[in-house]
C-alpha atoms as a PDB file:
ATOM      1  CA  UNK A   1      87.794  80.380 -19.903  1.00  0.00           C
ATOM      2  CA  UNK A   2      88.683  80.746 -23.586  1.00  0.00           C
ATOM      3  CA  UNK A   3      86.087  78.307 -24.787  1.00  0.00           C
ATOM      4  CA  UNK A   4      83.865  79.352 -27.780  1.00  0.00           C
ATOM      5  CA  UNK A   5      80.340  78.432 -28.136  1.00  0.00           C
ATOM      6  CA  UNK A   6      80.709  75.769 -30.743  1.00  0.00           C
ATOM      7  CA  UNK A   7      83.183  73.898 -28.501  1.00  0.00           C
ATOM      8  CA  UNK A   8      80.694  74.165 -25.674  1.00  0.00           C
ATOM      9  CA  UNK A   9      77.843  72.859 -27.705  1.00  0.00           C
ATOM     10  CA  UNK A  10      80.068  69.972 -28.943  1.00  0.00           C
ATOM     11  CA  UNK A  11      81.052  69.133 -25.294  1.00  0.00           C
ATOM     12  CA  UNK A  12      77.401  69.316 -24.136  1.00  0.00           C
ATOM     13  CA  UNK A  13      76.543  66.933 -26.980  1.00  0.00           C
ATOM     14  CA  UNK A  14      79.269  64.531 -26.244  1.00  0.00           C
ATOM     15  CA  UNK A  15      78.310  64.415 -22.466  1.00  0.00           C
ATOM     16  CA  UNK A  16      74.586  63.830 -23.409  1.00  0.00           C
ATOM     17  CA  UNK A  17      75.605  61.154 -25.921  1.00  0.00           C
ATOM     18  CA  UNK A  18      77.068  59.251 -22.792  1.00  0.00           C
ATOM     19  CA  UNK A  19      80.609  60.088 -23.574  1.00  0.00           C
ATOM     20  CA  UNK A  20      82.349  59.723 -20.036  1.00  0.00           C
ATOM     21  CA  UNK A  21      85.480  61.295 -21.555  1.00  0.00           C
ATOM     22  CA  UNK A  22      83.514  64.438 -22.526  1.00  0.00           C
ATOM     23  CA  UNK A  23      82.196  64.634 -18.726  1.00  0.00           C
ATOM     24  CA  UNK A  24      85.766  64.329 -17.451  1.00  0.00           C
ATOM     25  CA  UNK A  25      86.770  67.047 -19.984  1.00  0.00           C
ATOM     26  CA  UNK A  26      83.865  69.368 -18.683  1.00  0.00           C
ATOM     27  CA  UNK A  27      84.807  68.761 -15.107  1.00  0.00           C
ATOM     28  CA  UNK A  28      88.597  69.658 -15.760  1.00  0.00           C
ATOM     29  CA  UNK A  29      87.685  72.730 -17.809  1.00  0.00           C
ATOM     30  CA  UNK A  30      85.322  74.257 -15.314  1.00  0.00           C
ATOM     31  CA  UNK A  31      86.753  72.924 -11.962  1.00  0.00           C
ATOM     32  CA  UNK A  32      88.697  76.249 -11.303  1.00  0.00           C
ATOM     33  CA  UNK A  33      85.499  78.371 -11.902  1.00  0.00           C
ATOM     34  CA  UNK A  34      83.480  76.199  -9.474  1.00  0.00           C
ATOM     35  CA  UNK A  35      86.352  76.332  -6.974  1.00  0.00           C
ATOM     36  CA  UNK A  36      86.635  79.979  -7.135  1.00  0.00           C
ATOM     37  CA  UNK A  37      82.877  80.412  -6.475  1.00  0.00           C
ATOM     38  CA  UNK A  38      82.685  77.863  -3.650  1.00  0.00           C
ATOM     39  CA  UNK A  39      86.077  78.590  -1.973  1.00  0.00           C
ATOM     40  CA  UNK A  40      85.211  82.217  -1.755  1.00  0.00           C
ATOM     41  CA  UNK A  41      81.843  81.418  -0.101  1.00  0.00           C
ATOM     42  CA  UNK A  42      82.543  78.319   2.193  1.00  0.00           C
ATOM     43  CA  UNK A  43      85.179  78.074   4.835  1.00  0.00           C
ATOM     44  CA  UNK A  44      84.935  74.448   5.861  1.00  0.00           C
ATOM     45  CA  UNK A  45      87.430  72.405   3.495  1.00  0.00           C
ATOM     46  CA  UNK A  46      85.569  69.262   3.547  1.00  0.00           C
ATOM     47  CA  UNK A  47      82.303  70.792   2.684  1.00  0.00           C
ATOM     48  CA  UNK A  48      83.942  72.780  -0.247  1.00  0.00           C
ATOM     49  CA  UNK A  49      84.880  69.408  -1.687  1.00  0.00           C
ATOM     50  CA  UNK A  50      81.344  68.208  -1.121  1.00  0.00           C
ATOM     51  CA  UNK A  51      79.774  71.176  -2.556  1.00  0.00           C
ATOM     52  CA  UNK A  52      81.957  71.305  -5.561  1.00  0.00           C
ATOM     53  CA  UNK A  53      81.027  67.775  -6.320  1.00  0.00           C
ATOM     54  CA  UNK A  54      77.315  68.654  -5.837  1.00  0.00           C
ATOM     55  CA  UNK A  55      77.639  71.512  -8.297  1.00  0.00           C
ATOM     56  CA  UNK A  56      78.851  69.038 -11.054  1.00  0.00           C
ATOM     57  CA  UNK A  57      76.240  66.517 -10.191  1.00  0.00           C
ATOM     58  CA  UNK A  58      73.339  69.330 -10.399  1.00  0.00           C
ATOM     59  CA  UNK A  59      75.054  70.432 -13.737  1.00  0.00           C
ATOM     60  CA  UNK A  60      75.118  66.933 -15.217  1.00  0.00           C
ATOM     61  CA  UNK A  61      71.475  66.313 -14.193  1.00  0.00           C
ATOM     62  CA  UNK A  62      70.283  69.670 -15.671  1.00  0.00           C
ATOM     63  CA  UNK A  63      72.339  69.569 -18.666  1.00  0.00           C
ATOM     64  CA  UNK A  64      69.632  68.232 -21.048  1.00  0.00           C
ATOM     65  CA  UNK A  65      67.732  71.429 -20.052  1.00  0.00           C
ATOM     66  CA  UNK A  66      70.619  73.803 -20.922  1.00  0.00           C
ATOM     67  CA  UNK A  67      69.447  75.948 -23.962  1.00  0.00           C
ATOM     68  CA  UNK A  68      72.665  77.822 -24.516  1.00  0.00           C
ATOM     69  CA  UNK A  69      70.972  81.189 -23.454  1.00  0.00           C
ATOM     70  CA  UNK A  70      74.278  81.784 -21.768  1.00  0.00           C
ATOM     71  CA  UNK A  71      77.855  80.497 -21.657  1.00  0.00           C
ATOM     72  CA  UNK A  72      78.149  77.103 -19.897  1.00  0.00           C
ATOM     73  CA  UNK A  73      80.489  78.783 -17.527  1.00  0.00           C
ATOM     74  CA  UNK A  74      77.878  81.424 -16.579  1.00  0.00           C
ATOM     75  CA  UNK A  75      75.364  78.780 -16.175  1.00  0.00           C
ATOM     76  CA  UNK A  76      77.733  76.512 -14.060  1.00  0.00           C
ATOM     77  CA  UNK A  77      78.801  79.476 -11.887  1.00  0.00           C
ATOM     78  CA  UNK A  78      75.226  80.351 -11.253  1.00  0.00           C
ATOM     79  CA  UNK A  79      74.608  76.569 -10.194  1.00  0.00           C
ATOM     80  CA  UNK A  80      77.803  76.867  -7.769  1.00  0.00           C
ATOM     81  CA  UNK A  81      76.417  80.318  -6.343  1.00  0.00           C
ATOM     82  CA  UNK A  82      73.076  79.088  -5.674  1.00  0.00           C
ATOM     83  CA  UNK A  83      74.288  75.703  -4.222  1.00  0.00           C
ATOM     84  CA  UNK A  84      76.573  77.641  -1.746  1.00  0.00           C
ATOM     85  CA  UNK A  85      73.723  79.923  -0.765  1.00  0.00           C
ATOM     86  CA  UNK A  86      71.547  76.955  -0.005  1.00  0.00           C
ATOM     87  CA  UNK A  87      74.279  75.394   2.130  1.00  0.00           C
ATOM     88  CA  UNK A  88      74.845  78.398   3.959  1.00  0.00           C
ATOM     89  CA  UNK A  89      71.282  78.983   4.624  1.00  0.00           C
ATOM     90  CA  UNK A  90      70.793  75.370   5.832  1.00  0.00           C
ATOM     91  CA  UNK A  91      73.868  75.397   8.020  1.00  0.00           C
ATOM     92  CA  UNK A  92      73.298  79.127   9.005  1.00  0.00           C
ATOM     93  CA  UNK A  93      76.906  79.883   8.493  1.00  0.00           C
ATOM     94  CA  UNK A  94      78.228  83.409   7.720  1.00  0.00           C
ATOM     95  CA  UNK A  95      79.809  83.791   4.171  1.00  0.00           C
ATOM     96  CA  UNK A  96      83.569  82.875   4.147  1.00  0.00           C
ATOM     97  CA  UNK A  97      85.784  85.820   5.006  1.00  0.00           C
ATOM     98  CA  UNK A  98      88.987  83.801   6.225  1.00  0.00           C
ATOM     99  CA  UNK A  99      92.268  83.605   4.424  1.00  0.00           C
ATOM    100  CA  UNK A 100      92.296  80.769   1.565  1.00  0.00           C
ATOM    101  CA  UNK A 101      95.152  78.266   1.623  1.00  0.00           C
ATOM    102  CA  UNK A 102      98.330  79.358  -0.391  1.00  0.00           C
ATOM    103  CA  UNK A 103      97.847  78.947  -3.949  1.00  0.00           C
ATOM    104  CA  UNK A 104      94.047  78.707  -4.064  1.00  0.00           C
ATOM    105  CA  UNK A 105      93.571  81.884  -5.666  1.00  0.00           C
ATOM    106  CA  UNK A 106      96.186  82.386  -8.464  1.00  0.00           C
ATOM    107  CA  UNK A 107      97.817  79.581 -10.657  1.00  0.00           C
ATOM    108  CA  UNK A 108     101.477  79.319 -10.167  1.00  0.00           C
ATOM    109  CA  UNK A 109     102.114  78.115 -13.737  1.00  0.00           C
ATOM    110  CA  UNK A 110     104.222  80.847 -15.387  1.00  0.00           C
ATOM    111  CA  UNK A 111     104.524  80.441 -19.164  1.00  0.00           C
ATOM    112  CA  UNK A 112     108.215  81.009 -19.111  1.00  0.00           C
ATOM    113  CA  UNK A 113     111.313  80.390 -17.106  1.00  0.00           C
ATOM    114  CA  UNK A 114     111.486  82.463 -13.870  1.00  0.00           C
ATOM    115  CA  UNK A 115     114.496  82.628 -11.639  1.00  0.00           C
ATOM    116  CA  UNK A 116     114.009  81.063  -8.263  1.00  0.00           C
ATOM    117  CA  UNK A 117     114.220  84.283  -6.392  1.00  0.00           C
ATOM    118  CA  UNK A 118     111.736  85.933  -8.734  1.00  0.00           C
ATOM    119  CA  UNK A 119     109.346  83.182  -8.425  1.00  0.00           C
ATOM    120  CA  UNK A 120     109.283  83.440  -4.709  1.00  0.00           C
ATOM    121  CA  UNK A 121     108.758  87.115  -4.813  1.00  0.00           C
ATOM    122  CA  UNK A 122     105.878  86.647  -7.372  1.00  0.00           C
ATOM    123  CA  UNK A 123     104.441  83.794  -5.216  1.00  0.00           C
ATOM    124  CA  UNK A 124     104.483  85.930  -2.095  1.00  0.00           C
ATOM    125  CA  UNK A 125     102.921  88.868  -3.869  1.00  0.00           C
ATOM    126  CA  UNK A 126     100.266  86.600  -5.230  1.00  0.00           C
ATOM    127  CA  UNK A 127      99.488  85.043  -1.626  1.00  0.00           C
ATOM    128  CA  UNK A 128      99.442  88.600  -0.281  1.00  0.00           C
ATOM    129  CA  UNK A 129      97.072  89.603  -3.009  1.00  0.00           C
ATOM    130  CA  UNK A 130      94.794  86.618  -2.389  1.00  0.00           C
ATOM    131  CA  UNK A 131      94.766  87.355   1.334  1.00  0.00           C
ATOM    132  CA  UNK A 132      93.656  91.014   0.858  1.00  0.00           C
ATOM    133  CA  UNK A 133      91.012  89.880  -1.690  1.00  0.00           C
ATOM    134  CA  UNK A 134      89.652  87.408   1.008  1.00  0.00           C
ATOM    135  CA  UNK A 135      89.417  90.389   3.479  1.00  0.00           C
ATOM    136  CA  UNK A 136      86.957  92.243   1.260  1.00  0.00           C
ATOM    137  CA  UNK A 137      83.158  91.766   1.755  1.00  0.00           C
ATOM    138  CA  UNK A 138      82.227  88.484  -0.068  1.00  0.00           C
ATOM    139  CA  UNK A 139      80.335  89.876  -3.055  1.00  0.00           C
ATOM    140  CA  UNK A 140      83.204  92.176  -3.767  1.00  0.00           C
ATOM    141  CA  UNK A 141      85.903  89.312  -3.583  1.00  0.00           C
ATOM    142  CA  UNK A 142      83.675  87.103  -5.649  1.00  0.00           C
ATOM    143  CA  UNK A 143      83.031  89.715  -8.321  1.00  0.00           C
ATOM    144  CA  UNK A 144      86.901  90.553  -8.558  1.00  0.00           C
ATOM    145  CA  UNK A 145      87.603  86.853  -8.920  1.00  0.00           C
ATOM    146  CA  UNK A 146      84.981  86.362 -11.550  1.00  0.00           C
ATOM    147  CA  UNK A 147      86.013  89.392 -13.491  1.00  0.00           C
ATOM    148  CA  UNK A 148      89.602  89.391 -13.416  1.00  0.00           C
ATOM    149  CA  UNK A 149      90.617  85.741 -12.783  1.00  0.00           C
ATOM    150  CA  UNK A 150      87.732  84.012 -14.609  1.00  0.00           C
ATOM    151  CA  UNK A 151      87.706  86.895 -17.178  1.00  0.00           C
ATOM    152  CA  UNK A 152      83.741  86.943 -17.287  1.00  0.00           C
ATOM    153  CA  UNK A 153      81.863  89.837 -18.508  1.00  0.00           C
ATOM    154  CA  UNK A 154      79.609  92.328 -16.452  1.00  0.00           C
ATOM    155  CA  UNK A 155      76.502  90.560 -17.920  1.00  0.00           C
ATOM    156  CA  UNK A 156      77.694  86.956 -16.965  1.00  0.00           C
ATOM    157  CA  UNK A 157      78.613  88.011 -13.451  1.00  0.00           C
ATOM    158  CA  UNK A 158      75.182  89.916 -13.411  1.00  0.00           C
ATOM    159  CA  UNK A 159      73.550  86.647 -14.459  1.00  0.00           C
ATOM    160  CA  UNK A 160      75.243  84.536 -11.911  1.00  0.00           C
ATOM    161  CA  UNK A 161      74.633  86.808  -8.851  1.00  0.00           C
ATOM    162  CA  UNK A 162      71.056  87.818  -9.989  1.00  0.00           C
ATOM    163  CA  UNK A 163      71.885  91.542  -9.820  1.00  0.00           C
ATOM    164  CA  UNK A 164      71.875  94.426 -12.231  1.00  0.00           C
ATOM    165  CA  UNK A 165      74.940  95.048 -14.406  1.00  0.00           C
ATOM    166  CA  UNK A 166      75.091  98.417 -12.968  1.00  0.00           C
ATOM    167  CA  UNK A 167      75.529  97.031  -9.392  1.00  0.00           C
ATOM    168  CA  UNK A 168      78.141  94.668 -10.722  1.00  0.00           C
ATOM    169  CA  UNK A 169      80.065  97.590 -12.127  1.00  0.00           C
ATOM    170  CA  UNK A 170      79.620  99.542  -9.087  1.00  0.00           C
ATOM    171  CA  UNK A 171      80.763  96.828  -6.777  1.00  0.00           C
ATOM    172  CA  UNK A 172      83.727  96.011  -8.954  1.00  0.00           C
ATOM    173  CA  UNK A 173      84.751  99.738  -8.753  1.00  0.00           C
ATOM    174  CA  UNK A 174      84.366  99.779  -5.069  1.00  0.00           C
ATOM    175  CA  UNK A 175      86.101  96.532  -4.748  1.00  0.00           C
ATOM    176  CA  UNK A 176      89.167  97.707  -6.642  1.00  0.00           C
ATOM    177  CA  UNK A 177      89.198 100.899  -4.424  1.00  0.00           C
ATOM    178  CA  UNK A 178      88.977  98.917  -1.260  1.00  0.00           C
ATOM    179  CA  UNK A 179      91.551  96.519  -2.387  1.00  0.00           C
ATOM    180  CA  UNK A 180      93.921  99.355  -3.459  1.00  0.00           C
ATOM    181  CA  UNK A 181      93.462 101.072  -0.077  1.00  0.00           C
ATOM    182  CA  UNK A 182      94.271  97.816   1.776  1.00  0.00           C
ATOM    183  CA  UNK A 183      97.380  97.091  -0.354  1.00  0.00           C
ATOM    184  CA  UNK A 184      98.625 100.688   0.104  1.00  0.00           C
ATOM    185  CA  UNK A 185      97.884 100.626   3.864  1.00  0.00           C
ATOM    186  CA  UNK A 186      99.416  97.155   4.500  1.00  0.00           C
ATOM    187  CA  UNK A 187     102.323  97.058   2.234  1.00  0.00           C
ATOM    188  CA  UNK A 188     105.172  99.165   0.917  1.00  0.00           C
ATOM    189  CA  UNK A 189     104.460 100.659  -2.603  1.00  0.00           C
ATOM    190  CA  UNK A 190     107.828  99.299  -3.931  1.00  0.00           C
ATOM    191  CA  UNK A 191     107.081  95.844  -2.795  1.00  0.00           C
ATOM    192  CA  UNK A 192     103.923  95.775  -4.962  1.00  0.00           C
ATOM    193  CA  UNK A 193     105.514  97.293  -7.978  1.00  0.00           C
ATOM    194  CA  UNK A 194     102.805  99.875  -8.033  1.00  0.00           C
END
């Protein structure tokens, strides 16, 4: 999410000024983040798409009230998290623990040429890693995704999940340990290049 505060402020200003291209950029820029949160918490594919759209609609409606007390990404992830909680509460559905579709977790866009056999190995490893992350308790998997894939800080995650930073750090430590234990137990160490 390498967007600085000046760029965020300009993007928000453009959207508030009625620039539809600015809103398209906003959706494109933060779509992956919203999907990480929604796809981690909701299992029904059709509902995921609806919830993701609802998150962006809520963000658009509330953008005039955004005061830049946090990054836009933190604010938007919080909206996504709360929207998912509301959905799950309404539907009385347990949090999502199933395996995500291949490719939903990690981008497959290497920044350099990769031989086909290495690409296949890397893709399989990414899929296995995603599958193992999805088997973790939901908060652990979500915190891992936000910290490592979205590169958010402990403070940002704390704000999104409404939990103390110390708890986020503790959950991240436990999540890494659980993930490592699962990987060691389920796969050969040499297959994982550990």
